[in-house]
C-alpha cells in the first residue's frame, strides 16, 4: 500500500491544537495510508483555525509527500473563501 507522509509545519502547529499535540507526542511527520486520509485529518484538525495539506513540489528534496500548513490562504483585497482573486488586483 502506498503511504502519504506529511510534515507538520510551524504554521499548522500554531493554528491547530491537534497538530501541535501530534508534534509534541510523535514528532513533526505523520504517515497516512493515502492523501485522502491526510486531508481528512487536516479537516478534523481545523477546529481551532484552518489547516490544510499542501503537496510538496516535485523538485522538493524533502522525503515527504506534503505539508500540513495553517494560516490564511488569501490576503488583503477582500478575497472571499472559496473564490479566486485576480493577480492584477481587478
PDB file of N, CA and C in Angstrom:
ATOM      1  N   UNK A   1       0.841  -1.182   0.000  1.00  0.00           N
ATOM      2  CA  UNK A   1       0.000   0.000   0.000  1.00  0.00           C
ATOM      3  C   UNK A   1       0.885   1.243   0.000  1.00  0.00           C
ATOM      4  N   UNK A   2       0.511   2.214  -0.757  1.00  0.00           N
ATOM      5  CA  UNK A   2       1.234   3.472  -0.859  1.00  0.00           C
ATOM      6  C   UNK A   2       1.018   4.309   0.403  1.00  0.00           C
ATOM      7  N   UNK A   3       2.055   4.998   0.837  1.00  0.00           N
ATOM      8  CA  UNK A   3       1.966   5.862   2.013  1.00  0.00           C
ATOM      9  C   UNK A   3       2.043   7.318   1.559  1.00  0.00           C
ATOM     10  N   UNK A   4       1.437   8.201   2.329  1.00  0.00           N
ATOM     11  CA  UNK A   4       1.492   9.645   2.084  1.00  0.00           C
ATOM     12  C   UNK A   4       2.010  10.271   3.375  1.00  0.00           C
ATOM     13  N   UNK A   5       3.232  10.811   3.321  1.00  0.00           N
ATOM     14  CA  UNK A   5       3.882  11.356   4.506  1.00  0.00           C
ATOM     15  C   UNK A   5       3.753  12.870   4.496  1.00  0.00           C
ATOM     16  N   UNK A   6       3.282  13.401   5.631  1.00  0.00           N
ATOM     17  CA  UNK A   6       3.050  14.835   5.787  1.00  0.00           C
ATOM     18  C   UNK A   6       4.000  15.373   6.860  1.00  0.00           C
ATOM     19  N   UNK A   7       4.636  16.490   6.567  1.00  0.00           N
ATOM     20  CA  UNK A   7       5.409  17.204   7.585  1.00  0.00           C
ATOM     21  C   UNK A   7       4.537  18.333   8.117  1.00  0.00           C
ATOM     22  N   UNK A   8       4.444  18.415   9.431  1.00  0.00           N
ATOM     23  CA  UNK A   8       3.598  19.423  10.066  1.00  0.00           C
ATOM     24  C   UNK A   8       4.432  20.676  10.291  1.00  0.00           C
ATOM     25  N   UNK A   9       4.085  21.732   9.565  1.00  0.00           N
ATOM     26  CA  UNK A   9       4.847  22.981   9.602  1.00  0.00           C
ATOM     27  C   UNK A   9       4.471  23.804  10.840  1.00  0.00           C
ATOM     28  N   UNK A  10       5.368  24.719  11.262  1.00  0.00           N
ATOM     29  CA  UNK A  10       5.075  25.559  12.431  1.00  0.00           C
ATOM     30  C   UNK A  10       3.763  26.332  12.314  1.00  0.00           C
ATOM     31  N   UNK A  11       3.402  26.755  11.116  1.00  0.00           N
ATOM     32  CA  UNK A  11       2.136  27.489  10.953  1.00  0.00           C
ATOM     33  C   UNK A  11       0.943  26.623  11.336  1.00  0.00           C
ATOM     34  N   UNK A  12       1.005  25.337  11.041  1.00  0.00           N
ATOM     35  CA  UNK A  12      -0.079  24.417  11.408  1.00  0.00           C
ATOM     36  C   UNK A  12      -0.082  24.156  12.908  1.00  0.00           C
ATOM     37  N   UNK A  13       1.095  24.067  13.490  1.00  0.00           N
ATOM     38  CA  UNK A  13       1.166  23.847  14.942  1.00  0.00           C
ATOM     39  C   UNK A  13       0.592  25.033  15.701  1.00  0.00           C
ATOM     40  N   UNK A  14       0.819  26.234  15.190  1.00  0.00           N
ATOM     41  CA  UNK A  14       0.259  27.429  15.832  1.00  0.00           C
ATOM     42  C   UNK A  14      -1.256  27.492  15.645  1.00  0.00           C
ATOM     43  N   UNK A  15      -1.742  27.046  14.500  1.00  0.00           N
ATOM     44  CA  UNK A  15      -3.167  27.157  14.175  1.00  0.00           C
ATOM     45  C   UNK A  15      -4.013  26.038  14.771  1.00  0.00           C
ATOM     46  N   UNK A  16      -3.438  24.872  14.984  1.00  0.00           N
ATOM     47  CA  UNK A  16      -4.220  23.702  15.366  1.00  0.00           C
ATOM     48  C   UNK A  16      -3.658  23.021  16.608  1.00  0.00           C
ATOM     49  N   UNK A  17      -4.486  22.919  17.621  1.00  0.00           N
ATOM     50  CA  UNK A  17      -4.078  22.205  18.837  1.00  0.00           C
ATOM     51  C   UNK A  17      -3.760  20.751  18.516  1.00  0.00           C
ATOM     52  N   UNK A  18      -4.586  20.105  17.673  1.00  0.00           N
ATOM     53  CA  UNK A  18      -4.350  18.699  17.313  1.00  0.00           C
ATOM     54  C   UNK A  18      -2.989  18.516  16.653  1.00  0.00           C
ATOM     55  N   UNK A  19      -2.636  19.416  15.744  1.00  0.00           N
ATOM     56  CA  UNK A  19      -1.341  19.313  15.065  1.00  0.00           C
ATOM     57  C   UNK A  19      -0.199  19.515  16.058  1.00  0.00           C
ATOM     58  N   UNK A  20      -0.337  20.503  16.949  1.00  0.00           N
ATOM     59  CA  UNK A  20       0.694  20.745  17.951  1.00  0.00           C
ATOM     60  C   UNK A  20       0.877  19.569  18.888  1.00  0.00           C
ATOM     61  N   UNK A  21      -0.230  18.960  19.301  1.00  0.00           N
ATOM     62  CA  UNK A  21      -0.140  17.795  20.175  1.00  0.00           C
ATOM     63  C   UNK A  21       0.531  16.622  19.466  1.00  0.00           C
ATOM     64  N   UNK A  22       0.218  16.431  18.179  1.00  0.00           N
ATOM     65  CA  UNK A  22       0.851  15.343  17.424  1.00  0.00           C
ATOM     66  C   UNK A  22       2.365  15.540  17.403  1.00  0.00           C
ATOM     67  N   UNK A  23       2.811  16.756  17.110  1.00  0.00           N
ATOM     68  CA  UNK A  23       4.254  17.027  17.034  1.00  0.00           C
ATOM     69  C   UNK A  23       4.906  16.785  18.393  1.00  0.00           C
ATOM     70  N   UNK A  24       4.274  17.247  19.462  1.00  0.00           N
ATOM     71  CA  UNK A  24       4.847  17.057  20.793  1.00  0.00           C
ATOM     72  C   UNK A  24       4.945  15.586  21.184  1.00  0.00           C
ATOM     73  N   UNK A  25       3.972  14.787  20.769  1.00  0.00           N
ATOM     74  CA  UNK A  25       3.936  13.382  21.164  1.00  0.00           C
ATOM     75  C   UNK A  25       4.665  12.451  20.201  1.00  0.00           C
ATOM     76  N   UNK A  26       4.647  12.789  18.895  1.00  0.00           N
ATOM     77  CA  UNK A  26       5.130  11.826  17.899  1.00  0.00           C
ATOM     78  C   UNK A  26       6.148  12.376  16.908  1.00  0.00           C
ATOM     79  N   UNK A  27       6.406  13.676  16.944  1.00  0.00           N
ATOM     80  CA  UNK A  27       7.362  14.254  16.007  1.00  0.00           C
ATOM     81  C   UNK A  27       6.677  15.016  14.886  1.00  0.00           C
ATOM     82  N   UNK A  28       7.465  15.672  14.019  1.00  0.00           N
ATOM     83  CA  UNK A  28       6.907  16.589  13.018  1.00  0.00           C
ATOM     84  C   UNK A  28       6.353  15.940  11.751  1.00  0.00           C
ATOM     85  N   UNK A  29       6.401  14.634  11.659  1.00  0.00           N
ATOM     86  CA  UNK A  29       5.887  13.957  10.460  1.00  0.00           C
ATOM     87  C   UNK A  29       4.834  12.942  10.856  1.00  0.00           C
ATOM     88  N   UNK A  30       3.894  12.774   9.942  1.00  0.00           N
ATOM     89  CA  UNK A  30       2.845  11.770  10.152  1.00  0.00           C
ATOM     90  C   UNK A  30       2.586  11.066   8.833  1.00  0.00           C
ATOM     91  N   UNK A  31       2.516   9.739   8.873  1.00  0.00           N
ATOM     92  CA  UNK A  31       2.265   8.934   7.678  1.00  0.00           C
ATOM     93  C   UNK A  31       0.804   8.497   7.652  1.00  0.00           C
ATOM     94  N   UNK A  32       0.228   8.561   6.473  1.00  0.00           N
ATOM     95  CA  UNK A  32      -1.153   8.148   6.246  1.00  0.00           C
ATOM     96  C   UNK A  32      -1.166   7.093   5.147  1.00  0.00           C
ATOM     97  N   UNK A  33      -2.216   6.314   5.100  1.00  0.00           N
ATOM     98  CA  UNK A  33      -2.343   5.306   4.045  1.00  0.00           C
ATOM     99  C   UNK A  33      -2.668   5.926   2.696  1.00  0.00           C
ATOM    100  N   UNK A  34      -3.157   7.177   2.696  1.00  0.00           N
ATOM    101  CA  UNK A  34      -3.476   7.842   1.435  1.00  0.00           C
ATOM    102  C   UNK A  34      -3.509   9.357   1.647  1.00  0.00           C
ATOM    103  N   UNK A  35      -3.454  10.077   0.557  1.00  0.00           N
ATOM    104  CA  UNK A  35      -3.584  11.530   0.612  1.00  0.00           C
ATOM    105  C   UNK A  35      -4.977  11.914   1.122  1.00  0.00           C
ATOM    106  N   UNK A  36      -5.983  11.161   0.743  1.00  0.00           N
ATOM    107  CA  UNK A  36      -7.346  11.441   1.191  1.00  0.00           C
ATOM    108  C   UNK A  36      -7.446  11.362   2.715  1.00  0.00           C
ATOM    109  N   UNK A  37      -6.782  10.401   3.327  1.00  0.00           N
ATOM    110  CA  UNK A  37      -6.805  10.296   4.786  1.00  0.00           C
ATOM    111  C   UNK A  37      -6.043  11.452   5.434  1.00  0.00           C
ATOM    112  N   UNK A  38      -4.970  11.901   4.800  1.00  0.00           N
ATOM    113  CA  UNK A  38      -4.240  13.070   5.310  1.00  0.00           C
ATOM    114  C   UNK A  38      -5.130  14.300   5.268  1.00  0.00           C
ATOM    115  N   UNK A  39      -5.864  14.467   4.187  1.00  0.00           N
ATOM    116  CA  UNK A  39      -6.773  15.607   4.079  1.00  0.00           C
ATOM    117  C   UNK A  39      -7.914  15.522   5.086  1.00  0.00           C
ATOM    118  N   UNK A  40      -8.400  14.330   5.342  1.00  0.00           N
ATOM    119  CA  UNK A  40      -9.457  14.156   6.344  1.00  0.00           C
ATOM    120  C   UNK A  40      -8.941  14.552   7.727  1.00  0.00           C
ATOM    121  N   UNK A  41      -7.719  14.145   8.064  1.00  0.00           N
ATOM    122  CA  UNK A  41      -7.149  14.540   9.352  1.00  0.00           C
ATOM    123  C   UNK A  41      -7.001  16.061   9.417  1.00  0.00           C
ATOM    124  N   UNK A  42      -6.600  16.679   8.314  1.00  0.00           N
ATOM    125  CA  UNK A  42      -6.481  18.146   8.288  1.00  0.00           C
ATOM    126  C   UNK A  42      -7.845  18.790   8.559  1.00  0.00           C
ATOM    127  N   UNK A  43      -8.906  18.244   7.988  1.00  0.00           N
ATOM    128  CA  UNK A  43     -10.245  18.799   8.243  1.00  0.00           C
ATOM    129  C   UNK A  43     -10.613  18.689   9.719  1.00  0.00           C
ATOM    130  N   UNK A  44     -10.332  17.550  10.325  1.00  0.00           N
ATOM    131  CA  UNK A  44     -10.675  17.396  11.740  1.00  0.00           C
ATOM    132  C   UNK A  44      -9.755  18.231  12.632  1.00  0.00           C
ATOM    133  N   UNK A  45      -8.538  18.473  12.192  1.00  0.00           N
ATOM    134  CA  UNK A  45      -7.589  19.275  12.975  1.00  0.00           C
ATOM    135  C   UNK A  45      -7.855  20.770  12.832  1.00  0.00           C
ATOM    136  N   UNK A  46      -8.795  21.144  11.985  1.00  0.00           N
ATOM    137  CA  UNK A  46      -9.100  22.553  11.724  1.00  0.00           C
ATOM    138  C   UNK A  46     -10.138  23.138  12.674  1.00  0.00           C
ATOM    139  N   UNK A  47     -10.368  22.512  13.813  1.00  0.00           N
ATOM    140  CA  UNK A  47     -11.377  23.015  14.748  1.00  0.00           C
ATOM    141  C   UNK A  47     -11.000  24.387  15.293  1.00  0.00           C
ATOM    142  N   UNK A  48      -9.703  24.629  15.522  1.00  0.00           N
ATOM    143  CA  UNK A  48      -9.252  25.904  16.083  1.00  0.00           C
ATOM    144  C   UNK A  48      -9.109  26.970  15.000  1.00  0.00           C
ATOM    145  N   UNK A  49      -8.469  26.630  13.915  1.00  0.00           N
ATOM    146  CA  UNK A  49      -8.231  27.531  12.786  1.00  0.00           C
ATOM    147  C   UNK A  49      -7.925  26.648  11.574  1.00  0.00           C
ATOM    148  N   UNK A  50      -8.071  27.190  10.365  1.00  0.00           N
ATOM    149  CA  UNK A  50      -7.871  26.365   9.170  1.00  0.00           C
ATOM    150  C   UNK A  50      -6.448  25.835   9.017  1.00  0.00           C
ATOM    151  N   UNK A  51      -6.344  24.552   8.743  1.00  0.00           N
ATOM    152  CA  UNK A  51      -5.096  23.921   8.318  1.00  0.00           C
ATOM    153  C   UNK A  51      -5.423  23.054   7.113  1.00  0.00           C
ATOM    154  N   UNK A  52      -4.458  22.832   6.259  1.00  0.00           N
ATOM    155  CA  UNK A  52      -4.708  22.032   5.065  1.00  0.00           C
ATOM    156  C   UNK A  52      -3.429  21.361   4.624  1.00  0.00           C
ATOM    157  N   UNK A  53      -3.574  20.345   3.775  1.00  0.00           N
ATOM    158  CA  UNK A  53      -2.437  19.617   3.213  1.00  0.00           C
ATOM    159  C   UNK A  53      -2.082  20.247   1.879  1.00  0.00           C
ATOM    160  N   UNK A  54      -0.816  20.591   1.752  1.00  0.00           N
ATOM    161  CA  UNK A  54      -0.286  21.156   0.514  1.00  0.00           C
ATOM    162  C   UNK A  54       0.762  20.181  -0.012  1.00  0.00           C
ATOM    163  N   UNK A  55       0.627  19.755  -1.251  1.00  0.00           N
ATOM    164  CA  UNK A  55       1.606  18.835  -1.836  1.00  0.00           C
ATOM    165  C   UNK A  55       2.991  19.462  -1.870  1.00  0.00           C
ATOM    166  N   UNK A  56       3.993  18.632  -1.656  1.00  0.00           N
ATOM    167  CA  UNK A  56       5.370  19.080  -1.828  1.00  0.00           C
ATOM    168  C   UNK A  56       5.620  19.277  -3.320  1.00  0.00           C
ATOM    169  N   UNK A  57       6.443  20.239  -3.638  1.00  0.00           N
ATOM    170  CA  UNK A  57       6.795  20.477  -5.040  1.00  0.00           C
ATOM    171  C   UNK A  57       7.571  19.273  -5.576  1.00  0.00           C
ATOM    172  N   UNK A  58       7.447  18.986  -6.877  1.00  0.00           N
ATOM    173  CA  UNK A  58       8.152  17.819  -7.451  1.00  0.00           C
ATOM    174  C   UNK A  58       9.660  17.850  -7.225  1.00  0.00           C
ATOM    175  N   UNK A  59      10.269  19.017  -7.187  1.00  0.00           N
ATOM    176  CA  UNK A  59      11.716  19.129  -7.005  1.00  0.00           C
ATOM    177  C   UNK A  59      12.131  19.292  -5.537  1.00  0.00           C
ATOM    178  N   UNK A  60      11.174  19.237  -4.626  1.00  0.00           N
ATOM    179  CA  UNK A  60      11.462  19.386  -3.195  1.00  0.00           C
ATOM    180  C   UNK A  60      12.333  18.210  -2.735  1.00  0.00           C
ATOM    181  N   UNK A  61      13.486  18.488  -2.133  1.00  0.00           N
ATOM    182  CA  UNK A  61      14.383  17.404  -1.726  1.00  0.00           C
ATOM    183  C   UNK A  61      13.946  16.678  -0.450  1.00  0.00           C
ATOM    184  N   UNK A  62      12.945  17.186   0.242  1.00  0.00           N
ATOM    185  CA  UNK A  62      12.474  16.569   1.478  1.00  0.00           C
ATOM    186  C   UNK A  62      11.844  15.210   1.179  1.00  0.00           C
ATOM    187  N   UNK A  63      11.972  14.265   2.119  1.00  0.00           N
ATOM    188  CA  UNK A  63      11.393  12.933   1.899  1.00  0.00           C
ATOM    189  C   UNK A  63       9.900  12.858   2.231  1.00  0.00           C
ATOM    190  N   UNK A  64       9.179  13.980   2.157  1.00  0.00           N
ATOM    191  CA  UNK A  64       7.748  13.974   2.442  1.00  0.00           C
ATOM    192  C   UNK A  64       6.955  14.198   1.166  1.00  0.00           C
ATOM    193  N   UNK A  65       5.685  13.811   1.213  1.00  0.00           N
ATOM    194  CA  UNK A  65       4.798  13.983   0.067  1.00  0.00           C
ATOM    195  C   UNK A  65       4.029  15.294   0.127  1.00  0.00           C
ATOM    196  N   UNK A  66       3.854  15.817   1.348  1.00  0.00           N
ATOM    197  CA  UNK A  66       3.095  17.045   1.507  1.00  0.00           C
ATOM    198  C   UNK A  66       3.379  17.690   2.843  1.00  0.00           C
ATOM    199  N   UNK A  67       2.761  18.844   3.033  1.00  0.00           N
ATOM    200  CA  UNK A  67       2.946  19.612   4.266  1.00  0.00           C
ATOM    201  C   UNK A  67       1.586  19.980   4.834  1.00  0.00           C
ATOM    202  N   UNK A  68       1.454  19.896   6.148  1.00  0.00           N
ATOM    203  CA  UNK A  68       0.272  20.429   6.815  1.00  0.00           C
ATOM    204  C   UNK A  68       0.626  21.859   7.175  1.00  0.00           C
ATOM    205  N   UNK A  69      -0.119  22.805   6.629  1.00  0.00           N
ATOM    206  CA  UNK A  69       0.147  24.221   6.850  1.00  0.00           C
ATOM    207  C   UNK A  69      -1.113  24.881   7.394  1.00  0.00           C
ATOM    208  N   UNK A  70      -0.938  26.037   8.012  1.00  0.00           N
ATOM    209  CA  UNK A  70      -2.071  26.757   8.562  1.00  0.00           C
ATOM    210  C   UNK A  70      -1.937  28.237   8.305  1.00  0.00           C
ATOM    211  N   UNK A  71      -2.991  28.936   8.594  1.00  0.00           N
ATOM    212  CA  UNK A  71      -2.982  30.373   8.396  1.00  0.00           C
ATOM    213  C   UNK A  71      -4.079  30.789   7.449  1.00  0.00           C
ATOM    214  N   UNK A  72      -3.815  31.848   6.730  1.00  0.00           N
ATOM    215  CA  UNK A  72      -4.791  32.372   5.778  1.00  0.00           C
ATOM    216  C   UNK A  72      -4.355  32.033   4.365  1.00  0.00           C
ATOM    217  N   UNK A  73      -5.273  31.564   3.569  1.00  0.00           N
ATOM    218  CA  UNK A  73      -4.964  31.255   2.175  1.00  0.00           C
ATOM    219  C   UNK A  73      -4.979  32.502   1.308  1.00  0.00           C
ATOM    220  N   UNK A  74      -5.707  33.517   1.725  1.00  0.00           N
ATOM    221  CA  UNK A  74      -5.799  34.742   0.936  1.00  0.00           C
ATOM    222  C   UNK A  74      -5.433  35.926   1.802  1.00  0.00           C
ATOM    223  N   UNK A  75      -5.020  37.017   1.177  1.00  0.00           N
ATOM    224  CA  UNK A  75      -4.660  38.225   1.909  1.00  0.00           C
ATOM    225  C   UNK A  75      -5.294  39.429   1.257  1.00  0.00           C
ATOM    226  N   UNK A  76      -5.434  40.461   2.062  1.00  0.00           N
ATOM    227  CA  UNK A  76      -5.827  41.760   1.551  1.00  0.00           C
ATOM    228  C   UNK A  76      -7.137  41.783   0.807  1.00  0.00           C
ATOM    229  N   UNK A  77      -7.178  42.395  -0.285  1.00  0.00           N
ATOM    230  CA  UNK A  77      -8.233  42.774  -1.207  1.00  0.00           C
ATOM    231  C   UNK A  77      -9.601  42.113  -1.093  1.00  0.00           C
ATOM    232  N   UNK A  78     -10.019  41.702   0.074  1.00  0.00           N
ATOM    233  CA  UNK A  78     -11.388  41.229   0.245  1.00  0.00           C
ATOM    234  C   UNK A  78     -11.705  39.930  -0.454  1.00  0.00           C
ATOM    235  N   UNK A  79     -10.719  39.114  -0.737  1.00  0.00           N
ATOM    236  CA  UNK A  79     -10.990  37.836  -1.385  1.00  0.00           C
ATOM    237  C   UNK A  79     -11.779  36.955  -0.428  1.00  0.00           C
ATOM    238  N   UNK A  80     -12.836  36.373  -0.916  1.00  0.00           N
ATOM    239  CA  UNK A  80     -13.681  35.519  -0.088  1.00  0.00           C
ATOM    240  C   UNK A  80     -13.184  34.083  -0.152  1.00  0.00           C
ATOM    241  N   UNK A  81     -13.391  33.346   0.927  1.00  0.00           N
ATOM    242  CA  UNK A  81     -13.008  31.950   0.943  1.00  0.00           C
ATOM    243  C   UNK A  81     -13.710  31.212  -0.188  1.00  0.00           C
ATOM    244  N   UNK A  82     -12.958  30.362  -0.877  1.00  0.00           N
ATOM    245  CA  UNK A  82     -13.525  29.594  -1.957  1.00  0.00           C
ATOM    246  C   UNK A  82     -13.568  30.312  -3.296  1.00  0.00           C
ATOM    247  N   UNK A  83     -13.124  31.558  -3.343  1.00  0.00           N
ATOM    248  CA  UNK A  83     -13.103  32.310  -4.599  1.00  0.00           C
ATOM    249  C   UNK A  83     -11.676  32.688  -4.957  1.00  0.00           C
ATOM    250  N   UNK A  84     -11.380  32.679  -6.215  1.00  0.00           N
ATOM    251  CA  UNK A  84     -10.063  33.102  -6.672  1.00  0.00           C
ATOM    252  C   UNK A  84     -10.016  34.596  -6.799  1.00  0.00           C
ATOM    253  N   UNK A  85      -8.846  35.146  -6.597  1.00  0.00           N
ATOM    254  CA  UNK A  85      -8.648  36.579  -6.719  1.00  0.00           C
ATOM    255  C   UNK A  85      -7.721  36.847  -7.886  1.00  0.00           C
ATOM    256  N   UNK A  86      -8.002  37.871  -8.632  1.00  0.00           N
ATOM    257  CA  UNK A  86      -7.174  38.259  -9.762  1.00  0.00           C
ATOM    258  C   UNK A  86      -5.804  38.718  -9.282  1.00  0.00           C
ATOM    259  N   UNK A  87      -4.765  38.362 -10.005  1.00  0.00           N
ATOM    260  CA  UNK A  87      -3.417  38.782  -9.651  1.00  0.00           C
ATOM    261  C   UNK A  87      -3.187  40.256  -9.955  1.00  0.00           C
ATOM    262  N   UNK A  88      -3.973  40.834 -10.865  1.00  0.00           N
ATOM    263  CA  UNK A  88      -3.767  42.231 -11.208  1.00  0.00           C
ATOM    264  C   UNK A  88      -4.585  43.180 -10.312  1.00  0.00           C
ATOM    265  N   UNK A  89      -5.249  42.638  -9.303  1.00  0.00           N
ATOM    266  CA  UNK A  89      -5.992  43.450  -8.359  1.00  0.00           C
ATOM    267  C   UNK A  89      -7.346  43.921  -8.839  1.00  0.00           C
ATOM    268  N   UNK A  90      -7.743  43.491 -10.001  1.00  0.00           N
ATOM    269  CA  UNK A  90      -9.045  43.925 -10.574  1.00  0.00           C
ATOM    270  C   UNK A  90     -10.183  43.127 -10.004  1.00  0.00           C
TER     271      UNK A  90
END
